[in-house]
Amino acid sequence: MADDTAAAHVPDDPYADDPPTTPEELGRIEALVDAWAARELADNPVVAAVERGDESGVRRWFVRVHGEEKDVSTIWLTLRQRTLHYETYVMPAPEENHARFYEHLLRRNIALTGVAFAIGIEDAVFLHGAIPARTVDEVALDRILGVVYATVEQCFRPALRIGYASRFA
């Protein structure tokens, strides 16, 4: 469904000094995320699909959600040795009004908690965030899903109108 090369680049890991999570703890967290994802798929009408990506030992989930402003988004959850990293593709690089577009997103970053806009491969716009692996529980997973969903819903159309203004004229 998605590959790692499309991910936004995160240059510094703020949790690099945390002790590594043990294999047993990673297994417990993996099972917790699996169970949470299955429940969300069954009970949450916004969640359209959940897939696992287990290439080369990477613990990854793809949670596809339906929105109103952006029809479909896929939230990538990646369990790493120290963190649960999450991100979603928001839109391609703007076609016009570049400075205004990026200023808009940077100003939005100030008010965001748990996610930040970032420039990824091919200058596409992503939302990304991470939490320490040891803090992953159902509440944290619900918070991640909620903040990513709400941020895309709030920011997608205004950013689109700036970066693709001539298409709305």
N, C-alpha and C. Protein backbone atom coordinates (compact mmCIF):
# COMPACT_ATOMS: atom_id res chain seq x y z
N MET A 1 0.82 -1.18 0.00
CA MET A 1 0.00 0.00 0.00
C MET A 1 0.86 1.25 0.00
N ALA A 2 1.78 1.37 0.91
CA ALA A 2 2.69 2.51 0.95
C ALA A 2 4.08 1.96 1.21
N ASP A 3 5.06 2.71 0.78
CA ASP A 3 6.40 2.24 1.09
C ASP A 3 7.14 3.30 1.88
N ASP A 4 8.20 2.88 2.53
CA ASP A 4 8.94 3.73 3.44
C ASP A 4 9.58 4.92 2.74
N THR A 5 9.83 4.83 1.44
CA THR A 5 10.49 5.94 0.74
C THR A 5 9.59 7.15 0.66
N ALA A 6 8.29 6.99 0.84
CA ALA A 6 7.38 8.12 0.77
C ALA A 6 7.28 8.85 2.11
N ALA A 7 7.88 8.31 3.13
CA ALA A 7 7.76 8.88 4.46
C ALA A 7 8.49 10.21 4.56
N ALA A 8 7.96 11.07 5.40
CA ALA A 8 8.63 12.34 5.67
C ALA A 8 9.93 12.04 6.42
N HIS A 9 10.96 12.80 6.15
CA HIS A 9 12.24 12.59 6.81
C HIS A 9 12.23 13.28 8.17
N VAL A 10 12.53 12.55 9.21
CA VAL A 10 12.63 13.10 10.55
C VAL A 10 14.11 13.10 10.92
N PRO A 11 14.77 14.28 10.91
CA PRO A 11 16.21 14.32 11.06
C PRO A 11 16.74 13.95 12.44
N ASP A 12 16.04 14.31 13.50
CA ASP A 12 16.53 14.05 14.84
C ASP A 12 15.49 13.29 15.63
N ASP A 13 15.93 12.29 16.36
CA ASP A 13 15.03 11.51 17.20
C ASP A 13 15.14 12.04 18.62
N PRO A 14 14.12 12.76 19.12
CA PRO A 14 14.21 13.31 20.47
C PRO A 14 14.22 12.24 21.55
N TYR A 15 13.92 11.00 21.19
CA TYR A 15 13.89 9.91 22.16
C TYR A 15 15.11 9.00 22.05
N ALA A 16 16.12 9.44 21.34
CA ALA A 16 17.31 8.61 21.10
C ALA A 16 18.02 8.22 22.40
N ASP A 17 17.88 9.04 23.43
CA ASP A 17 18.55 8.73 24.69
C ASP A 17 17.72 7.83 25.60
N ASP A 18 16.46 7.57 25.22
CA ASP A 18 15.64 6.65 26.00
C ASP A 18 16.22 5.24 25.89
N PRO A 19 16.07 4.44 26.93
CA PRO A 19 16.55 3.06 26.82
C PRO A 19 15.75 2.31 25.76
N PRO A 20 16.40 1.42 25.02
CA PRO A 20 15.67 0.65 24.00
C PRO A 20 14.59 -0.21 24.64
N THR A 21 13.51 -0.38 23.93
CA THR A 21 12.43 -1.24 24.39
C THR A 21 12.85 -2.68 24.16
N THR A 22 12.57 -3.55 25.13
CA THR A 22 12.96 -4.95 25.00
C THR A 22 12.11 -5.63 23.93
N PRO A 23 12.60 -6.74 23.37
CA PRO A 23 11.79 -7.48 22.40
C PRO A 23 10.44 -7.92 22.96
N GLU A 24 10.42 -8.28 24.24
CA GLU A 24 9.16 -8.69 24.86
C GLU A 24 8.18 -7.52 24.93
N GLU A 25 8.70 -6.35 25.31
CA GLU A 25 7.86 -5.16 25.40
C GLU A 25 7.35 -4.75 24.01
N LEU A 26 8.23 -4.83 23.00
CA LEU A 26 7.80 -4.53 21.63
C LEU A 26 6.68 -5.48 21.19
N GLY A 27 6.80 -6.75 21.56
CA GLY A 27 5.75 -7.72 21.23
C GLY A 27 4.43 -7.38 21.91
N ARG A 28 4.50 -6.95 23.17
CA ARG A 28 3.29 -6.56 23.90
C ARG A 28 2.65 -5.34 23.24
N ILE A 29 3.47 -4.35 22.87
CA ILE A 29 2.95 -3.14 22.23
C ILE A 29 2.35 -3.48 20.87
N GLU A 30 3.02 -4.35 20.14
CA GLU A 30 2.51 -4.77 18.83
C GLU A 30 1.13 -5.41 18.97
N ALA A 31 0.97 -6.28 19.95
CA ALA A 31 -0.33 -6.93 20.18
C ALA A 31 -1.39 -5.91 20.58
N LEU A 32 -0.99 -4.94 21.39
CA LEU A 32 -1.91 -3.89 21.81
C LEU A 32 -2.38 -3.07 20.61
N VAL A 33 -1.45 -2.69 19.71
CA VAL A 33 -1.82 -1.92 18.52
C VAL A 33 -2.70 -2.76 17.60
N ASP A 34 -2.37 -4.04 17.44
CA ASP A 34 -3.21 -4.93 16.62
C ASP A 34 -4.65 -4.96 17.15
N ALA A 35 -4.81 -5.14 18.46
CA ALA A 35 -6.14 -5.22 19.06
C ALA A 35 -6.88 -3.88 18.93
N TRP A 36 -6.18 -2.79 19.19
CA TRP A 36 -6.79 -1.46 19.06
C TRP A 36 -7.25 -1.22 17.62
N ALA A 37 -6.40 -1.54 16.65
CA ALA A 37 -6.73 -1.31 15.24
C ALA A 37 -7.95 -2.14 14.83
N ALA A 38 -8.02 -3.37 15.29
CA ALA A 38 -9.17 -4.22 14.97
C ALA A 38 -10.46 -3.64 15.55
N ARG A 39 -10.38 -3.13 16.79
CA ARG A 39 -11.56 -2.51 17.40
C ARG A 39 -11.98 -1.24 16.66
N GLU A 40 -10.99 -0.43 16.29
CA GLU A 40 -11.31 0.80 15.55
C GLU A 40 -11.99 0.47 14.23
N LEU A 41 -11.47 -0.52 13.54
CA LEU A 41 -12.06 -0.92 12.26
C LEU A 41 -13.50 -1.38 12.45
N ALA A 42 -13.76 -2.10 13.53
CA ALA A 42 -15.11 -2.62 13.78
C ALA A 42 -16.06 -1.54 14.30
N ASP A 43 -15.56 -0.61 15.11
CA ASP A 43 -16.45 0.30 15.84
C ASP A 43 -16.43 1.75 15.38
N ASN A 44 -15.40 2.18 14.68
CA ASN A 44 -15.25 3.59 14.32
C ASN A 44 -15.61 3.78 12.85
N PRO A 45 -16.70 4.47 12.55
CA PRO A 45 -17.11 4.61 11.15
C PRO A 45 -16.13 5.41 10.29
N VAL A 46 -15.26 6.17 10.90
CA VAL A 46 -14.25 6.93 10.15
C VAL A 46 -13.16 6.01 9.61
N VAL A 47 -12.87 4.92 10.34
CA VAL A 47 -11.81 4.00 9.93
C VAL A 47 -12.35 3.07 8.85
N ALA A 48 -11.74 3.17 7.66
CA ALA A 48 -12.19 2.39 6.50
C ALA A 48 -11.44 1.08 6.34
N ALA A 49 -10.18 1.05 6.74
CA ALA A 49 -9.36 -0.16 6.57
C ALA A 49 -8.15 -0.08 7.48
N VAL A 50 -7.64 -1.25 7.83
CA VAL A 50 -6.39 -1.36 8.57
C VAL A 50 -5.59 -2.47 7.90
N GLU A 51 -4.36 -2.18 7.58
CA GLU A 51 -3.46 -3.18 7.00
C GLU A 51 -2.16 -3.18 7.79
N ARG A 52 -1.49 -4.31 7.73
CA ARG A 52 -0.18 -4.44 8.37
C ARG A 52 0.89 -4.44 7.31
N GLY A 53 2.00 -3.83 7.61
CA GLY A 53 3.18 -3.88 6.76
C GLY A 53 4.30 -4.49 7.56
N ASP A 54 4.67 -5.70 7.26
CA ASP A 54 5.69 -6.40 8.03
C ASP A 54 6.94 -6.68 7.21
N GLU A 55 7.23 -5.81 6.25
CA GLU A 55 8.42 -6.04 5.44
C GLU A 55 9.69 -5.90 6.28
N SER A 56 10.57 -6.79 6.09
CA SER A 56 11.89 -6.82 6.74
C SER A 56 11.84 -6.52 8.24
N GLY A 57 10.86 -7.08 8.91
CA GLY A 57 10.80 -6.96 10.36
C GLY A 57 10.30 -5.63 10.89
N VAL A 58 9.85 -4.73 10.03
CA VAL A 58 9.33 -3.44 10.48
C VAL A 58 7.89 -3.64 10.95
N ARG A 59 7.61 -3.15 12.14
CA ARG A 59 6.25 -3.25 12.68
C ARG A 59 5.48 -2.01 12.24
N ARG A 60 4.58 -2.18 11.28
CA ARG A 60 3.90 -1.02 10.70
C ARG A 60 2.43 -1.34 10.45
N TRP A 61 1.59 -0.33 10.69
CA TRP A 61 0.16 -0.41 10.44
C TRP A 61 -0.23 0.76 9.54
N PHE A 62 -1.17 0.52 8.65
CA PHE A 62 -1.73 1.55 7.79
C PHE A 62 -3.21 1.66 8.15
N VAL A 63 -3.59 2.78 8.70
CA VAL A 63 -4.98 3.00 9.11
C VAL A 63 -5.59 4.01 8.13
N ARG A 64 -6.48 3.54 7.29
CA ARG A 64 -7.12 4.40 6.29
C ARG A 64 -8.40 4.97 6.89
N VAL A 65 -8.54 6.30 6.81
CA VAL A 65 -9.70 6.98 7.37
C VAL A 65 -10.41 7.81 6.30
N HIS A 66 -11.72 7.91 6.45
CA HIS A 66 -12.53 8.77 5.58
C HIS A 66 -12.72 10.11 6.26
N GLY A 67 -12.52 11.18 5.50
CA GLY A 67 -12.74 12.52 6.02
C GLY A 67 -13.78 13.25 5.21
N GLU A 68 -14.09 14.45 5.64
CA GLU A 68 -15.02 15.30 4.90
C GLU A 68 -14.26 16.28 4.01
N GLU A 69 -13.21 16.88 4.53
CA GLU A 69 -12.42 17.83 3.74
C GLU A 69 -11.48 17.12 2.78
N LYS A 70 -10.82 16.10 3.26
CA LYS A 70 -9.97 15.24 2.42
C LYS A 70 -10.62 13.87 2.46
N ASP A 71 -10.99 13.38 1.30
CA ASP A 71 -11.79 12.15 1.23
C ASP A 71 -11.17 10.98 2.00
N VAL A 72 -9.89 10.72 1.75
CA VAL A 72 -9.22 9.57 2.37
C VAL A 72 -7.81 9.96 2.79
N SER A 73 -7.43 9.53 3.97
CA SER A 73 -6.05 9.68 4.45
C SER A 73 -5.61 8.34 5.00
N THR A 74 -4.34 8.06 4.90
CA THR A 74 -3.78 6.86 5.51
C THR A 74 -2.78 7.28 6.55
N ILE A 75 -3.00 6.85 7.77
CA ILE A 75 -2.09 7.14 8.88
C ILE A 75 -1.17 5.94 9.03
N TRP A 76 0.13 6.21 8.94
CA TRP A 76 1.13 5.15 9.08
C TRP A 76 1.61 5.15 10.52
N LEU A 77 1.48 4.03 11.19
CA LEU A 77 2.02 3.84 12.54
C LEU A 77 3.20 2.90 12.42
N THR A 78 4.36 3.32 12.90
CA THR A 78 5.55 2.49 12.81
C THR A 78 6.15 2.35 14.21
N LEU A 79 6.17 1.12 14.72
CA LEU A 79 6.75 0.86 16.04
C LEU A 79 8.24 0.63 15.87
N ARG A 80 9.01 1.53 16.46
CA ARG A 80 10.46 1.44 16.41
C ARG A 80 10.98 1.01 17.77
N GLN A 81 12.28 0.92 17.89
CA GLN A 81 12.86 0.43 19.14
C GLN A 81 12.54 1.34 20.33
N ARG A 82 12.46 2.63 20.10
CA ARG A 82 12.20 3.56 21.19
C ARG A 82 10.90 4.34 21.04
N THR A 83 10.33 4.37 19.85
CA THR A 83 9.16 5.22 19.60
C THR A 83 8.09 4.53 18.77
N LEU A 84 6.89 5.08 18.88
CA LEU A 84 5.84 4.81 17.90
C LEU A 84 5.77 6.08 17.06
N HIS A 85 6.18 5.96 15.81
CA HIS A 85 6.18 7.09 14.88
C HIS A 85 4.89 7.03 14.08
N TYR A 86 4.30 8.18 13.82
CA TYR A 86 3.07 8.22 13.03
C TYR A 86 3.13 9.39 12.06
N GLU A 87 2.53 9.17 10.90
CA GLU A 87 2.52 10.22 9.89
C GLU A 87 1.41 9.95 8.89
N THR A 88 1.10 10.99 8.15
CA THR A 88 0.16 10.88 7.04
C THR A 88 0.56 11.86 5.95
N TYR A 89 0.34 11.45 4.74
CA TYR A 89 0.55 12.31 3.58
C TYR A 89 -0.62 13.28 3.52
N VAL A 90 -0.33 14.57 3.39
CA VAL A 90 -1.39 15.57 3.34
C VAL A 90 -1.68 15.99 1.91
N MET A 91 -0.64 16.39 1.18
CA MET A 91 -0.83 16.84 -0.20
C MET A 91 0.52 17.00 -0.88
N PRO A 92 0.50 17.08 -2.22
CA PRO A 92 1.76 17.32 -2.93
C PRO A 92 2.24 18.75 -2.70
N ALA A 93 3.44 19.02 -3.15
CA ALA A 93 4.00 20.37 -3.05
C ALA A 93 3.06 21.36 -3.75
N PRO A 94 3.00 22.59 -3.27
CA PRO A 94 2.10 23.56 -3.89
C PRO A 94 2.54 23.91 -5.31
N GLU A 95 1.57 24.27 -6.12
CA GLU A 95 1.86 24.70 -7.49
C GLU A 95 2.14 26.19 -7.57
N GLU A 96 1.66 26.94 -6.58
CA GLU A 96 1.80 28.40 -6.60
C GLU A 96 1.77 28.91 -5.16
N ASN A 97 2.03 30.19 -5.01
CA ASN A 97 2.01 30.84 -3.69
C ASN A 97 2.84 30.08 -2.66
N HIS A 98 4.02 29.65 -3.07
CA HIS A 98 4.86 28.79 -2.22
C HIS A 98 5.14 29.41 -0.85
N ALA A 99 5.60 30.65 -0.83
CA ALA A 99 5.95 31.27 0.45
C ALA A 99 4.73 31.37 1.36
N ARG A 100 3.62 31.80 0.81
CA ARG A 100 2.39 31.93 1.61
C ARG A 100 1.91 30.56 2.10
N PHE A 101 2.02 29.56 1.24
CA PHE A 101 1.61 28.20 1.59
C PHE A 101 2.42 27.68 2.78
N TYR A 102 3.75 27.75 2.68
CA TYR A 102 4.59 27.23 3.77
C TYR A 102 4.48 28.08 5.03
N GLU A 103 4.31 29.38 4.87
CA GLU A 103 4.08 30.23 6.04
C GLU A 103 2.81 29.80 6.76
N HIS A 104 1.77 29.54 5.98
CA HIS A 104 0.50 29.09 6.55
C HIS A 104 0.69 27.82 7.39
N LEU A 105 1.41 26.84 6.83
CA LEU A 105 1.62 25.58 7.56
C LEU A 105 2.49 25.78 8.79
N LEU A 106 3.53 26.60 8.67
CA LEU A 106 4.40 26.85 9.83
C LEU A 106 3.62 27.55 10.94
N ARG A 107 2.77 28.47 10.57
CA ARG A 107 1.95 29.14 11.60
C ARG A 107 0.96 28.15 12.23
N ARG A 108 0.45 27.24 11.45
CA ARG A 108 -0.42 26.19 11.99
C ARG A 108 0.34 25.31 12.99
N ASN A 109 1.62 25.03 12.70
CA ASN A 109 2.43 24.19 13.59
C ASN A 109 2.45 24.72 15.02
N ILE A 110 2.42 26.03 15.17
CA ILE A 110 2.49 26.63 16.51
C ILE A 110 1.35 26.14 17.39
N ALA A 111 0.17 25.98 16.82
CA ALA A 111 -1.00 25.60 17.61
C ALA A 111 -1.19 24.09 17.72
N LEU A 112 -0.40 23.31 17.01
CA LEU A 112 -0.58 21.86 17.01
C LEU A 112 0.11 21.20 18.20
N THR A 113 -0.50 20.16 18.70
CA THR A 113 0.10 19.35 19.76
C THR A 113 0.11 17.91 19.29
N GLY A 114 1.28 17.29 19.29
CA GLY A 114 1.38 15.88 18.93
C GLY A 114 1.70 15.61 17.48
N VAL A 115 1.56 16.61 16.62
CA VAL A 115 1.90 16.47 15.21
C VAL A 115 2.51 17.77 14.72
N ALA A 116 3.20 17.68 13.60
CA ALA A 116 3.77 18.87 12.96
C ALA A 116 3.78 18.65 11.46
N PHE A 117 3.60 19.73 10.73
CA PHE A 117 3.73 19.65 9.28
C PHE A 117 5.20 19.53 8.93
N ALA A 118 5.49 18.75 7.90
CA ALA A 118 6.87 18.53 7.45
C ALA A 118 6.87 18.38 5.94
N ILE A 119 8.02 18.66 5.35
CA ILE A 119 8.20 18.45 3.92
C ILE A 119 8.89 17.11 3.74
N GLY A 120 8.32 16.27 2.90
CA GLY A 120 8.86 14.94 2.66
C GLY A 120 9.37 14.80 1.24
N ILE A 121 9.40 13.57 0.80
CA ILE A 121 9.90 13.24 -0.53
C ILE A 121 9.11 14.02 -1.59
N GLU A 122 9.80 14.45 -2.62
CA GLU A 122 9.22 15.24 -3.71
C GLU A 122 8.54 16.50 -3.19
N ASP A 123 9.00 17.00 -2.05
CA ASP A 123 8.49 18.22 -1.42
C ASP A 123 7.02 18.13 -1.03
N ALA A 124 6.50 16.92 -0.91
CA ALA A 124 5.12 16.74 -0.48
C ALA A 124 4.99 17.12 0.99
N VAL A 125 3.77 17.44 1.40
CA VAL A 125 3.49 17.84 2.78
C VAL A 125 2.97 16.63 3.56
N PHE A 126 3.56 16.42 4.72
CA PHE A 126 3.18 15.34 5.63
C PHE A 126 2.87 15.93 7.00
N LEU A 127 2.11 15.21 7.78
CA LEU A 127 1.99 15.44 9.21
C LEU A 127 2.73 14.30 9.87
N HIS A 128 3.52 14.59 10.89
CA HIS A 128 4.22 13.50 11.57
C HIS A 128 4.33 13.79 13.05
N GLY A 129 4.58 12.73 13.79
CA GLY A 129 4.78 12.83 15.22
C GLY A 129 5.33 11.52 15.75
N ALA A 130 5.67 11.50 17.03
CA ALA A 130 6.18 10.28 17.67
C ALA A 130 5.94 10.38 19.16
N ILE A 131 5.75 9.23 19.78
CA ILE A 131 5.68 9.15 21.23
C ILE A 131 6.61 8.04 21.68
N PRO A 132 7.10 8.11 22.91
CA PRO A 132 7.94 7.02 23.40
C PRO A 132 7.17 5.70 23.37
N ALA A 133 7.83 4.65 22.96
CA ALA A 133 7.18 3.33 22.86
C ALA A 133 6.59 2.91 24.19
N ARG A 134 7.27 3.24 25.27
CA ARG A 134 6.79 2.81 26.59
C ARG A 134 5.47 3.47 26.99
N THR A 135 5.05 4.53 26.27
CA THR A 135 3.80 5.22 26.61
C THR A 135 2.62 4.79 25.74
N VAL A 136 2.84 3.85 24.84
CA VAL A 136 1.76 3.43 23.93
C VAL A 136 0.71 2.65 24.71
N ASP A 137 -0.51 3.16 24.65
CA ASP A 137 -1.68 2.46 25.18
C ASP A 137 -2.88 2.88 24.34
N GLU A 138 -4.06 2.39 24.67
CA GLU A 138 -5.23 2.70 23.86
C GLU A 138 -5.55 4.19 23.86
N VAL A 139 -5.36 4.85 24.99
CA VAL A 139 -5.61 6.29 25.06
C VAL A 139 -4.67 7.04 24.12
N ALA A 140 -3.40 6.67 24.13
CA ALA A 140 -2.42 7.32 23.24
C ALA A 140 -2.77 7.07 21.78
N LEU A 141 -3.16 5.85 21.45
CA LEU A 141 -3.53 5.53 20.07
C LEU A 141 -4.77 6.30 19.64
N ASP A 142 -5.76 6.40 20.53
CA ASP A 142 -6.95 7.21 20.23
C ASP A 142 -6.57 8.67 19.99
N ARG A 143 -5.67 9.17 20.82
CA ARG A 143 -5.22 10.56 20.70
C ARG A 143 -4.52 10.78 19.36
N ILE A 144 -3.66 9.84 18.97
CA ILE A 144 -2.95 9.95 17.69
C ILE A 144 -3.95 9.98 16.53
N LEU A 145 -4.86 9.03 16.51
CA LEU A 145 -5.87 8.98 15.45
C LEU A 145 -6.67 10.28 15.42
N GLY A 146 -7.09 10.74 16.58
CA GLY A 146 -7.90 11.96 16.66
C GLY A 146 -7.17 13.21 16.22
N VAL A 147 -5.94 13.38 16.67
CA VAL A 147 -5.21 14.61 16.33
C VAL A 147 -4.82 14.63 14.87
N VAL A 148 -4.43 13.49 14.32
CA VAL A 148 -4.08 13.46 12.89
C VAL A 148 -5.33 13.72 12.06
N TYR A 149 -6.42 13.05 12.38
CA TYR A 149 -7.67 13.23 11.65
C TYR A 149 -8.13 14.70 11.73
N ALA A 150 -8.19 15.25 12.93
CA ALA A 150 -8.68 16.62 13.11
C ALA A 150 -7.78 17.64 12.41
N THR A 151 -6.48 17.43 12.46
CA THR A 151 -5.56 18.37 11.82
C THR A 151 -5.73 18.36 10.31
N VAL A 152 -5.84 17.19 9.72
CA VAL A 152 -6.07 17.11 8.27
C VAL A 152 -7.39 17.79 7.93
N GLU A 153 -8.44 17.52 8.69
CA GLU A 153 -9.74 18.11 8.41
C GLU A 153 -9.71 19.64 8.52
N GLN A 154 -8.99 20.17 9.50
CA GLN A 154 -8.94 21.61 9.70
C GLN A 154 -8.03 22.33 8.71
N CYS A 155 -6.97 21.68 8.29
CA CYS A 155 -5.93 22.36 7.52
C CYS A 155 -5.92 22.06 6.03
N PHE A 156 -6.51 20.99 5.61
CA PHE A 156 -6.39 20.56 4.21
C PHE A 156 -6.95 21.60 3.24
N ARG A 157 -8.20 21.97 3.40
CA ARG A 157 -8.83 22.88 2.43
C ARG A 157 -8.18 24.26 2.42
N PRO A 158 -7.89 24.89 3.57
CA PRO A 158 -7.22 26.20 3.51
C PRO A 158 -5.86 26.12 2.81
N ALA A 159 -5.09 25.08 3.08
CA ALA A 159 -3.78 24.92 2.42
C ALA A 159 -3.97 24.70 0.93
N LEU A 160 -4.94 23.92 0.56
CA LEU A 160 -5.23 23.65 -0.85
C LEU A 160 -5.59 24.94 -1.58
N ARG A 161 -6.38 25.78 -0.95
CA ARG A 161 -6.79 27.04 -1.58
C ARG A 161 -5.62 28.01 -1.75
N ILE A 162 -4.61 27.90 -0.92
CA ILE A 162 -3.42 28.74 -1.08
C ILE A 162 -2.49 28.15 -2.14
N GLY A 163 -2.15 26.90 -2.00
CA GLY A 163 -1.17 26.27 -2.88
C GLY A 163 -1.66 25.93 -4.27
N TYR A 164 -2.97 25.94 -4.45
CA TYR A 164 -3.58 25.61 -5.75
C TYR A 164 -4.67 26.63 -6.08
N ALA A 165 -4.41 27.89 -5.76
CA ALA A 165 -5.41 28.96 -5.85
C ALA A 165 -6.05 29.07 -7.23
N SER A 166 -5.27 28.95 -8.28
CA SER A 166 -5.82 29.14 -9.63
C SER A 166 -6.84 28.05 -9.99
N ARG A 167 -6.78 26.93 -9.34
CA ARG A 167 -7.76 25.86 -9.60
C ARG A 167 -9.12 26.16 -8.97
N PHE A 168 -9.13 27.12 -8.03
CA PHE A 168 -10.37 27.50 -7.36
C PHE A 168 -10.93 28.82 -7.88
N ALA A 169 -10.25 29.42 -8.85
CA ALA A 169 -10.67 30.74 -9.36
C ALA A 169 -11.94 30.65 -10.18
